[in-house]
Amino acid sequence: MIPVTSFAGKTVAVFGLGGSGLASCHALKAGGAEVIAGDDSAENVAKAAQAGFITADLRNVSWANFAALVLAPGVPLTHPVPHWTVLKAREAGVEVIGDIELFCRERRRHAPDAPFVAITGTNGKSTTTALIAHLTKVAGYDTQMGGNIGTAILSLEPPRMGRVHVIEMSSYQIDLTPSLDPSVGILLNVSEDHIDRHGTIARYAAVKERLVAGVQASGTSIVGVDDGFCRDIADRLDRAGKNVVRISVKNPVASGIYVEHGTIVRASGGAKSDVAALGGIGSLRGLHNAQNAACAAAAALAMGISLDVLQNGLRSFPGLAHRMEQVGRRGNVLFVNDSKGTNADATAHALSSFADIFWIAGGKPKAGGITGLTSFFPRIRKAYLIGEAAQEFSGTLGTQVSHEISQTLDVAVANAARDAEASGLTDAVVLLSPACASFDQYRNFEIRGAKFRELVQALPGVKPVV
């Protein structure tokens, strides 16, 4: 745990008492603050009370003595409308911040030069976070990984030299971190997502930009420049005097890092040199993972990690659960769990990585459905549609792609496995990449992915991928 000493002797309101909210309560209390905890969920309030915290309905208390409101990232800050706690804080002149802001303040107070790598992007940030954490561990760092990837940042060990914090950040978390100042900041990409929480894609992109714009003076801003928003962001950072490393997997860059024929290449001053090879690394298959690996390599180089260690780290990376996770093989059929592919852009990365796909898709649909995936339809031998989106997706696939409405994951897995095996294709892939949220049938994508893994591994003859 990281005790939050910056609010010692002060009273802090904490709203949203899930994992990160409760961790904030413990960290604030350990640092000498008085915490008043609240939540719209009576169950969460009861858990906080059982943990020994003062709880209250924050509608009915005076805000005059609060030094800050620590807000959980899932609580609306601006759109579609600010949460009532945010309005209360504004009326009382109380700052609204999140748990990563508390971390940043503690780092500045106690170990301002301790390495802190922050990662964001519409897609790929979890894989990149896990890969950087793996590389730093291989390089001998005491590595603390958390944030949006799962472990609340204040549950980690405190910052110090020799210890690196590798933190995935969503746009919601960036919004709540006004003094975000990593030593290495990474922006992978920007495409339309979370517009309900930011109002417009321009506002969403501006929030993402803050992560790389806030990098410390001696630090490194790493920006993927294969989309227009990020190209513009990189140019603005350049003009602001930041040390910018541009990343591309589509075109060579004059200065920065790019991927060419499966090799990560560094370009500078008219010269270029090979950094690492990606060929044969199953956990980093596909163009999207090439971008993730190139950004991770840029972070490793910024931290002084040697090329040998970097190459060994890439080759030994096991991959991220639920993201292009190879969960089994039966004969020529590979089973891939991409349950984290919860929107069309993420699923496009998975579909682009294979040629003969038996595709399991569906769930709670998002705006646009799968209309943006038509260029990948020739790769799909058959689709198996589940959940609320089944009828909508069936209409989009039409006569272009053979498909069935399976409704449930267990039916889809059984039928896809049967058809893939019967196809006789040399490299058939049964791919779960839903292009949808999980909430119609599963509480989260992790549970959905775990169910897929369980169903696949229960099939006769399925063996682990080695």
Protein backbone atom coordinates (compact mmCIF):
# COMPACT_ATOMS: atom_id res chain seq x y z
CA MET A 1 0.00 0.00 0.00
CA ILE A 2 1.05 3.61 -0.65
CA PRO A 3 0.18 5.82 2.36
CA VAL A 4 -1.16 9.17 1.11
CA THR A 5 0.57 11.75 3.30
CA SER A 6 -0.39 14.79 1.24
CA PHE A 7 -3.75 15.02 3.05
CA ALA A 8 -2.48 14.27 6.57
CA GLY A 9 -4.63 16.02 9.17
CA LYS A 10 -7.33 16.87 6.59
CA THR A 11 -10.76 15.44 5.82
CA VAL A 12 -11.30 13.85 2.41
CA ALA A 13 -14.53 12.61 0.84
CA VAL A 14 -14.25 9.40 -1.18
CA PHE A 15 -17.12 8.46 -3.48
CA GLY A 16 -17.29 5.14 -5.31
CA LEU A 17 -16.26 2.30 -3.03
CA GLY A 18 -15.26 -0.46 -5.41
CA GLY A 19 -11.69 -1.75 -5.55
CA SER A 20 -9.90 1.54 -6.23
CA GLY A 21 -12.21 3.52 -3.94
CA LEU A 22 -11.60 1.27 -0.94
CA ALA A 23 -7.87 1.25 -1.67
CA SER A 24 -7.99 5.07 -1.63
CA CYS A 25 -9.73 5.01 1.75
CA HIS A 26 -7.04 2.75 3.23
CA ALA A 27 -4.19 4.78 1.72
CA LEU A 28 -5.59 8.11 2.92
CA LYS A 29 -6.19 6.77 6.41
CA ALA A 30 -2.66 5.29 6.53
CA GLY A 31 -1.29 8.71 5.61
CA GLY A 32 -3.13 10.51 8.41
CA ALA A 33 -6.28 11.78 6.70
CA GLU A 34 -9.83 11.45 7.96
CA VAL A 35 -12.01 9.75 5.36
CA ILE A 36 -15.75 10.15 4.84
CA ALA A 37 -16.84 7.44 2.41
CA GLY A 38 -19.95 7.27 0.25
CA ASP A 39 -21.47 5.34 -2.62
CA ASP A 40 -24.82 5.01 -4.40
CA SER A 41 -24.65 1.29 -3.57
CA ALA A 42 -25.75 0.36 -0.04
CA GLU A 43 -23.72 -2.85 -0.34
CA ASN A 44 -20.51 -0.93 -1.05
CA VAL A 45 -21.20 1.47 1.83
CA ALA A 46 -21.67 -1.51 4.15
CA LYS A 47 -18.32 -2.98 3.04
CA ALA A 48 -16.56 0.31 3.76
CA ALA A 49 -18.18 0.52 7.19
CA GLN A 50 -17.10 -3.06 7.95
CA ALA A 51 -13.55 -2.02 6.99
CA GLY A 52 -13.69 0.65 9.70
CA PHE A 53 -14.36 3.81 7.68
CA ILE A 54 -16.81 6.58 8.50
CA THR A 55 -19.62 6.41 5.94
CA ALA A 56 -22.27 8.97 5.13
CA ASP A 57 -24.80 10.06 2.56
CA LEU A 58 -22.70 12.86 1.09
CA ARG A 59 -25.87 14.70 0.07
CA ASN A 60 -26.55 15.41 3.72
CA VAL A 61 -23.18 16.53 5.06
CA SER A 62 -21.37 19.84 5.06
CA TRP A 63 -18.68 20.06 2.37
CA ALA A 64 -17.02 23.06 4.00
CA ASN A 65 -14.28 21.02 5.66
CA PHE A 66 -13.47 18.64 2.81
CA ALA A 67 -9.99 19.13 1.36
CA ALA A 68 -10.82 17.04 -1.71
CA LEU A 69 -13.30 14.65 -3.28
CA VAL A 70 -11.62 11.46 -4.46
CA LEU A 71 -13.89 10.09 -7.17
CA ALA A 72 -13.90 6.58 -8.60
CA PRO A 73 -13.22 6.65 -12.36
CA GLY A 74 -16.54 4.99 -13.18
CA VAL A 75 -18.48 7.97 -11.79
CA PRO A 76 -19.31 10.63 -14.46
CA LEU A 77 -17.17 13.76 -14.12
CA THR A 78 -18.56 15.75 -17.06
CA HIS A 79 -20.81 13.72 -19.39
CA PRO A 80 -23.60 12.90 -19.88
CA VAL A 81 -24.02 15.11 -16.80
CA PRO A 82 -21.68 15.56 -13.82
CA HIS A 83 -22.49 13.27 -10.92
CA TRP A 84 -24.22 14.99 -8.00
CA THR A 85 -21.07 14.64 -5.88
CA VAL A 86 -19.13 16.59 -8.51
CA LEU A 87 -21.71 19.37 -8.42
CA LYS A 88 -21.55 19.44 -4.61
CA ALA A 89 -17.75 19.67 -4.73
CA ARG A 90 -17.82 22.50 -7.27
CA GLU A 91 -20.33 24.47 -5.20
CA ALA A 92 -18.06 24.14 -2.15
CA GLY A 93 -14.83 24.88 -4.06
CA VAL A 94 -13.50 21.38 -3.38
CA GLU A 95 -11.08 19.82 -5.88
CA VAL A 96 -12.20 16.59 -7.57
CA ILE A 97 -9.39 14.07 -8.14
CA GLY A 98 -8.77 10.34 -8.51
CA ASP A 99 -6.52 7.74 -6.97
CA ILE A 100 -3.76 8.15 -9.56
CA GLU A 101 -3.57 11.85 -8.69
CA LEU A 102 -2.95 10.80 -5.08
CA PHE A 103 -0.12 8.55 -6.32
CA CYS A 104 1.41 11.39 -8.37
CA ARG A 105 1.44 13.69 -5.35
CA GLU A 106 3.11 11.06 -3.18
CA ARG A 107 5.72 10.36 -5.84
CA ARG A 108 6.56 14.06 -6.10
CA ARG A 109 6.85 14.35 -2.32
CA HIS A 110 8.99 11.28 -1.71
CA ALA A 111 10.64 9.99 -4.93
CA PRO A 112 10.18 12.41 -7.83
CA ASP A 113 12.80 10.66 -9.98
CA ALA A 114 11.41 7.15 -9.48
CA PRO A 115 10.48 5.66 -12.86
CA PHE A 116 6.77 5.94 -13.67
CA VAL A 117 5.48 4.66 -17.00
CA ALA A 118 1.89 5.58 -17.89
CA ILE A 119 0.08 4.06 -20.87
CA THR A 120 -3.16 5.03 -22.61
CA GLY A 121 -4.87 4.58 -25.97
CA THR A 122 -8.21 3.44 -27.31
CA ASN A 123 -6.91 -0.05 -28.02
CA GLY A 124 -3.87 -2.06 -26.95
CA LYS A 125 -3.13 -0.37 -23.66
CA SER A 126 -3.53 -3.47 -21.48
CA THR A 127 -1.24 -5.59 -23.66
CA THR A 128 1.33 -2.79 -23.82
CA THR A 129 1.16 -2.29 -20.05
CA ALA A 130 1.65 -6.00 -19.38
CA LEU A 131 4.48 -6.18 -21.92
CA ILE A 132 6.35 -3.20 -20.44
CA ALA A 133 5.96 -4.68 -16.96
CA HIS A 134 7.35 -7.98 -18.26
CA LEU A 135 10.31 -6.22 -19.93
CA THR A 136 11.19 -4.25 -16.78
CA LYS A 137 11.02 -7.41 -14.68
CA VAL A 138 13.34 -9.18 -17.11
CA ALA A 139 15.64 -6.15 -16.84
CA GLY A 140 15.78 -6.55 -13.06
CA TYR A 141 13.47 -3.76 -11.91
CA ASP A 142 11.18 -4.14 -8.92
CA THR A 143 8.06 -3.77 -11.08
CA GLN A 144 4.69 -2.59 -9.81
CA MET A 145 1.87 -2.90 -12.37
CA GLY A 146 -1.63 -1.53 -11.90
CA GLY A 147 -4.22 1.06 -12.73
CA ASN A 148 -6.88 0.27 -15.31
CA ILE A 149 -5.36 -3.17 -15.91
CA GLY A 150 -6.77 -4.37 -12.60
CA THR A 151 -4.82 -3.57 -9.42
CA ALA A 152 -5.62 -0.22 -7.78
CA ILE A 153 -2.51 1.95 -7.90
CA LEU A 154 -2.59 2.74 -4.17
CA SER A 155 -2.52 -1.00 -3.40
CA LEU A 156 0.98 -1.18 -4.92
CA GLU A 157 4.28 -0.58 -3.14
CA PRO A 158 5.41 3.08 -2.76
CA PRO A 159 7.63 4.78 -5.36
CA ARG A 160 11.41 4.59 -4.87
CA MET A 161 14.50 4.42 -7.05
CA GLY A 162 14.95 1.00 -8.60
CA ARG A 163 11.20 0.39 -8.49
CA VAL A 164 9.14 1.16 -11.59
CA HIS A 165 5.38 1.75 -11.63
CA VAL A 166 3.81 0.67 -14.92
CA ILE A 167 0.30 2.05 -14.96
CA GLU A 168 -2.49 1.65 -17.50
CA MET A 169 -4.78 4.67 -17.60
CA SER A 170 -8.24 5.06 -19.08
CA SER A 171 -9.52 8.43 -20.22
CA TYR A 172 -11.67 8.52 -17.07
CA GLN A 173 -8.57 8.18 -14.89
CA ILE A 174 -6.63 10.81 -16.83
CA ASP A 175 -9.55 13.21 -16.38
CA LEU A 176 -9.16 12.83 -12.61
CA THR A 177 -5.36 13.31 -12.59
CA PRO A 178 -4.69 17.02 -13.15
CA SER A 179 -0.97 16.86 -12.30
CA LEU A 180 -0.15 13.64 -14.17
CA ASP A 181 3.64 13.63 -14.73
CA PRO A 182 5.06 10.24 -15.75
CA SER A 183 8.72 9.83 -16.63
CA VAL A 184 7.58 7.89 -19.72
CA GLY A 185 4.15 8.52 -21.21
CA ILE A 186 2.67 6.41 -24.01
CA LEU A 187 -0.30 7.23 -26.25
CA LEU A 188 -0.91 4.29 -28.58
CA ASN A 189 -3.82 5.47 -30.71
CA VAL A 190 -7.12 7.35 -30.68
CA SER A 191 -10.36 6.18 -32.28
CA GLU A 192 -13.99 6.76 -31.37
CA ASP A 193 -14.87 5.36 -27.94
CA HIS A 194 -16.46 6.52 -24.68
CA ILE A 195 -18.19 9.46 -26.38
CA ASP A 196 -21.00 9.09 -23.83
CA ARG A 197 -18.49 10.09 -21.13
CA HIS A 198 -16.62 12.83 -23.02
CA GLY A 199 -19.21 14.38 -25.34
CA THR A 200 -17.13 14.41 -28.53
CA ILE A 201 -14.17 12.54 -29.95
CA ALA A 202 -12.21 15.81 -29.90
CA ARG A 203 -12.76 16.08 -26.15
CA TYR A 204 -11.84 12.40 -25.74
CA ALA A 205 -8.61 12.89 -27.71
CA ALA A 206 -7.76 16.00 -25.69
CA VAL A 207 -8.03 14.01 -22.47
CA LYS A 208 -5.75 11.30 -23.87
CA GLU A 209 -3.25 13.97 -24.95
CA ARG A 210 -2.83 15.15 -21.37
CA LEU A 211 -1.00 11.95 -20.46
CA VAL A 212 1.86 12.55 -22.91
CA ALA A 213 1.77 16.34 -22.55
CA GLY A 214 2.38 16.03 -18.81
CA VAL A 215 5.58 13.98 -19.05
CA GLN A 216 8.39 15.30 -16.83
CA ALA A 217 10.89 17.70 -18.41
CA SER A 218 13.57 15.00 -18.63
CA GLY A 219 11.11 12.30 -19.66
CA THR A 220 9.91 10.75 -22.91
CA SER A 221 6.56 11.07 -24.71
CA ILE A 222 5.88 8.06 -26.96
CA VAL A 223 3.10 8.53 -29.50
CA GLY A 224 1.73 6.15 -32.12
CA VAL A 225 1.28 8.27 -35.23
CA ASP A 226 -0.83 5.97 -37.41
CA ASP A 227 -4.00 8.00 -36.84
CA GLY A 228 -4.66 11.68 -37.45
CA PHE A 229 -5.44 12.63 -33.87
CA CYS A 230 -2.14 11.23 -32.63
CA ARG A 231 -0.11 12.75 -35.47
CA ASP A 232 -1.46 16.16 -34.50
CA ILE A 233 -0.74 15.46 -30.83
CA ALA A 234 2.87 14.49 -31.59
CA ASP A 235 3.34 17.71 -33.57
CA ARG A 236 1.98 19.82 -30.70
CA LEU A 237 4.29 18.07 -28.22
CA ASP A 238 7.23 18.79 -30.51
CA ARG A 239 6.36 22.47 -30.61
CA ALA A 240 6.07 22.46 -26.80
CA GLY A 241 9.64 21.17 -26.53
CA LYS A 242 8.86 17.63 -25.37
CA ASN A 243 11.13 14.69 -26.17
CA VAL A 244 8.78 12.89 -28.57
CA VAL A 245 9.32 9.39 -29.97
CA ARG A 246 6.97 8.70 -32.88
CA ILE A 247 5.87 5.10 -33.46
CA SER A 248 4.48 3.68 -36.71
CA VAL A 249 3.65 0.22 -37.97
CA LYS A 250 2.37 1.52 -41.32
CA ASN A 251 5.19 3.72 -42.60
CA PRO A 252 8.86 4.41 -41.84
CA VAL A 253 9.44 7.53 -39.75
CA ALA A 254 12.39 9.88 -40.17
CA SER A 255 12.96 9.99 -36.44
CA GLY A 256 11.46 7.46 -34.06
CA ILE A 257 10.60 3.77 -34.17
CA TYR A 258 8.76 1.79 -36.83
CA VAL A 259 8.13 -1.82 -37.77
CA GLU A 260 9.31 -3.17 -41.11
CA HIS A 261 9.04 -6.81 -42.21
CA GLY A 262 8.61 -8.04 -38.65
CA THR A 263 11.53 -6.04 -37.24
CA ILE A 264 11.38 -3.07 -34.88
CA VAL A 265 13.62 -0.37 -36.34
CA ARG A 266 14.95 2.83 -34.76
CA ALA A 267 15.60 5.85 -37.01
CA SER A 268 17.58 8.93 -36.04
CA GLY A 269 19.60 11.53 -37.91
CA GLY A 270 19.24 9.80 -41.25
CA ALA A 271 20.51 6.47 -39.91
CA LYS A 272 18.51 3.40 -38.89
CA SER A 273 19.25 0.33 -36.78
CA ASP A 274 17.41 -2.85 -35.86
CA VAL A 275 16.04 -2.98 -32.33
CA ALA A 276 14.31 -6.37 -32.09
CA ALA A 277 12.68 -9.10 -34.17
CA LEU A 278 8.99 -10.00 -33.73
CA GLY A 279 8.85 -13.01 -36.04
CA GLY A 280 7.60 -16.21 -34.44
CA ILE A 281 6.35 -14.57 -31.21
CA GLY A 282 2.80 -15.94 -31.00
CA SER A 283 1.78 -13.66 -28.14
CA LEU A 284 2.58 -10.62 -30.31
CA ARG A 285 0.90 -11.75 -33.53
CA GLY A 286 -0.70 -9.13 -35.78
CA LEU A 287 -0.16 -5.52 -36.76
CA HIS A 288 -1.83 -4.19 -33.61
CA ASN A 289 0.59 -6.16 -31.43
CA ALA A 290 3.47 -4.89 -33.53
CA GLN A 291 2.39 -1.40 -32.46
CA ASN A 292 2.13 -2.51 -28.84
CA ALA A 293 5.61 -4.08 -29.02
CA ALA A 294 7.15 -1.05 -30.73
CA CYS A 295 5.77 1.29 -28.06
CA ALA A 296 6.95 -1.05 -25.31
CA ALA A 297 10.39 -1.22 -26.93
CA ALA A 298 10.53 2.59 -27.05
CA ALA A 299 9.72 2.69 -23.33
CA ALA A 300 12.40 0.09 -22.58
CA LEU A 301 14.99 2.05 -24.57
CA ALA A 302 14.01 5.26 -22.77
CA MET A 303 14.73 3.45 -19.49
CA GLY A 304 18.13 2.26 -20.68
CA ILE A 305 17.24 -1.41 -21.13
CA SER A 306 19.72 -3.16 -23.42
CA LEU A 307 18.79 -4.62 -26.82
CA ASP A 308 19.62 -8.18 -25.69
CA VAL A 309 17.37 -7.93 -22.63
CA LEU A 310 14.64 -6.34 -24.75
CA GLN A 311 14.73 -9.14 -27.33
CA ASN A 312 14.69 -11.83 -24.64
CA GLY A 313 11.80 -10.09 -22.91
CA LEU A 314 9.73 -9.90 -26.10
CA ARG A 315 10.30 -13.58 -26.83
CA SER A 316 9.34 -14.68 -23.31
CA PHE A 317 6.20 -12.52 -23.08
CA PRO A 318 3.30 -14.90 -22.32
CA GLY A 319 0.61 -12.54 -23.59
CA LEU A 320 -2.37 -11.04 -21.84
CA ALA A 321 -5.29 -13.09 -20.64
CA HIS A 322 -8.40 -12.52 -22.81
CA ARG A 323 -6.45 -10.59 -25.47
CA MET A 324 -5.39 -12.79 -28.39
CA GLU A 325 -4.79 -15.52 -25.81
CA GLN A 326 -4.02 -18.89 -27.38
CA VAL A 327 -5.99 -21.23 -25.12
CA GLY A 328 -5.68 -24.55 -26.93
CA ARG A 329 -5.11 -26.48 -30.12
CA ARG A 330 -6.76 -29.58 -31.58
CA GLY A 331 -5.06 -30.86 -34.70
CA ASN A 332 -4.89 -27.94 -37.13
CA VAL A 333 -7.40 -25.84 -35.18
CA LEU A 334 -6.15 -23.04 -32.91
CA PHE A 335 -8.52 -21.60 -30.28
CA VAL A 336 -7.99 -17.91 -29.48
CA ASN A 337 -9.65 -16.00 -26.63
CA ASP A 338 -9.98 -12.31 -27.50
CA SER A 339 -12.82 -11.55 -25.08
CA LYS A 340 -11.27 -8.15 -24.44
CA GLY A 341 -12.21 -7.23 -28.01
CA THR A 342 -15.25 -5.27 -26.86
CA ASN A 343 -15.58 -2.90 -29.82
CA ALA A 344 -15.23 -3.16 -33.59
CA ASP A 345 -11.79 -1.51 -33.67
CA ALA A 346 -10.37 -4.02 -31.20
CA THR A 347 -11.94 -6.92 -33.07
CA ALA A 348 -10.50 -5.62 -36.35
CA HIS A 349 -7.02 -6.21 -34.93
CA ALA A 350 -7.88 -9.82 -34.16
CA LEU A 351 -9.55 -10.48 -37.52
CA SER A 352 -6.54 -9.01 -39.33
CA SER A 353 -4.23 -11.53 -37.63
CA PHE A 354 -5.66 -14.73 -39.15
CA ALA A 355 -6.80 -15.96 -42.58
CA ASP A 356 -9.28 -18.78 -41.90
CA ILE A 357 -11.51 -17.74 -39.02
CA PHE A 358 -14.48 -19.38 -37.36
CA TRP A 359 -15.64 -16.27 -35.55
CA ILE A 360 -17.67 -16.10 -32.34
CA ALA A 361 -19.14 -12.61 -31.94
CA GLY A 362 -21.91 -10.79 -30.13
CA GLY A 363 -23.03 -9.63 -26.72
CA LYS A 364 -24.29 -6.21 -25.74
CA PRO A 365 -23.86 -4.16 -28.94
CA LYS A 366 -22.07 -0.84 -29.24
CA ALA A 367 -22.78 2.04 -31.63
CA GLY A 368 -21.95 1.12 -35.20
CA GLY A 369 -22.03 -2.62 -34.56
CA ILE A 370 -19.72 -4.48 -36.96
CA THR A 371 -20.34 -2.34 -40.06
CA GLY A 372 -16.71 -1.21 -39.93
CA LEU A 373 -15.42 -4.78 -40.26
CA THR A 374 -16.62 -5.57 -43.79
CA SER A 375 -13.08 -5.56 -45.23
CA PHE A 376 -12.29 -8.54 -42.99
CA PHE A 377 -15.34 -10.60 -44.01
CA PRO A 378 -13.38 -12.60 -46.63
CA ARG A 379 -11.25 -14.02 -43.81
CA ILE A 380 -14.29 -15.41 -41.97
CA ARG A 381 -15.28 -18.95 -42.94
CA LYS A 382 -18.32 -18.87 -40.67
CA ALA A 383 -19.63 -16.70 -37.81
CA TYR A 384 -21.41 -17.85 -34.66
CA LEU A 385 -23.53 -15.09 -33.16
CA ILE A 386 -24.43 -14.81 -29.49
CA GLY A 387 -26.29 -12.49 -27.15
CA GLU A 388 -28.35 -9.37 -27.76
CA ALA A 389 -26.41 -8.40 -30.90
CA ALA A 390 -27.05 -11.67 -32.75
CA GLN A 391 -29.90 -10.45 -34.95
CA GLU A 392 -28.22 -7.10 -35.71
CA PHE A 393 -24.94 -8.80 -36.63
CA SER A 394 -26.80 -11.35 -38.73
CA GLY A 395 -28.29 -8.49 -40.73
CA THR A 396 -24.85 -6.95 -41.28
CA LEU A 397 -23.25 -10.23 -42.35
CA GLY A 398 -26.18 -11.00 -44.66
CA THR A 399 -25.17 -13.28 -47.50
CA GLN A 400 -21.53 -12.16 -47.44
CA VAL A 401 -20.56 -14.45 -44.54
CA SER A 402 -21.95 -17.84 -43.67
CA HIS A 403 -23.31 -17.61 -40.13
CA GLU A 404 -25.62 -19.05 -37.53
CA ILE A 405 -27.33 -17.60 -34.48
CA SER A 406 -25.93 -19.71 -31.65
CA GLN A 407 -27.28 -17.43 -28.87
CA THR A 408 -25.01 -18.85 -26.15
CA LEU A 409 -21.25 -19.27 -25.91
CA ASP A 410 -21.35 -23.00 -25.20
CA VAL A 411 -23.32 -23.69 -28.39
CA ALA A 412 -21.04 -21.39 -30.40
CA VAL A 413 -17.83 -23.06 -29.16
CA ALA A 414 -19.12 -26.58 -29.85
CA ASN A 415 -20.34 -25.73 -33.36
CA ALA A 416 -17.30 -23.65 -34.31
CA ALA A 417 -14.93 -26.40 -33.14
CA ARG A 418 -16.87 -28.98 -35.16
CA ASP A 419 -16.92 -26.88 -38.32
CA ALA A 420 -13.29 -25.80 -38.06
CA GLU A 421 -12.12 -29.38 -37.74
CA ALA A 422 -14.35 -30.54 -40.60
CA SER A 423 -13.05 -27.76 -42.86
CA GLY A 424 -9.69 -29.46 -43.34
CA LEU A 425 -7.99 -26.04 -43.38
CA THR A 426 -4.33 -26.07 -42.38
CA ASP A 427 -4.54 -23.03 -40.08
CA ALA A 428 -8.16 -22.86 -38.94
CA VAL A 429 -8.79 -20.55 -35.99
CA VAL A 430 -11.77 -20.51 -33.67
CA LEU A 431 -11.74 -16.91 -32.52
CA LEU A 432 -13.81 -15.35 -29.74
CA SER A 433 -13.61 -11.62 -30.44
CA PRO A 434 -17.10 -10.34 -29.66
CA ALA A 435 -16.98 -6.68 -30.83
CA CYS A 436 -19.44 -6.16 -27.99
CA ALA A 437 -19.62 -5.59 -24.27
CA SER A 438 -20.32 -8.66 -22.14
CA PHE A 439 -23.03 -7.25 -19.92
CA ASP A 440 -26.00 -9.04 -21.52
CA GLN A 441 -24.76 -12.48 -20.48
CA TYR A 442 -21.61 -11.99 -18.35
CA ARG A 443 -20.65 -9.51 -15.63
CA ASN A 444 -17.41 -8.61 -17.40
CA PHE A 445 -15.19 -9.66 -20.29
CA GLU A 446 -12.89 -11.61 -17.95
CA ILE A 447 -15.70 -13.95 -16.93
CA ARG A 448 -16.75 -14.34 -20.57
CA GLY A 449 -13.17 -15.15 -21.58
CA ALA A 450 -12.71 -17.59 -18.73
CA LYS A 451 -15.88 -19.39 -19.79
CA PHE A 452 -14.57 -19.66 -23.35
CA ARG A 453 -11.26 -21.05 -22.08
CA GLU A 454 -13.10 -23.58 -19.91
CA LEU A 455 -15.33 -24.71 -22.80
CA VAL A 456 -12.39 -25.08 -25.18
CA GLN A 457 -10.23 -27.00 -22.73
CA ALA A 458 -13.13 -29.38 -22.05
CA LEU A 459 -13.29 -30.37 -25.73
CA PRO A 460 -11.87 -33.86 -26.41
CA GLY A 461 -8.31 -33.79 -27.73
CA VAL A 462 -7.55 -30.12 -27.03
CA LYS A 463 -3.94 -29.55 -25.94
CA PRO A 464 -2.18 -26.48 -24.51
CA VAL A 465 -0.33 -24.20 -26.94
CA VAL A 466 3.41 -24.36 -26.37
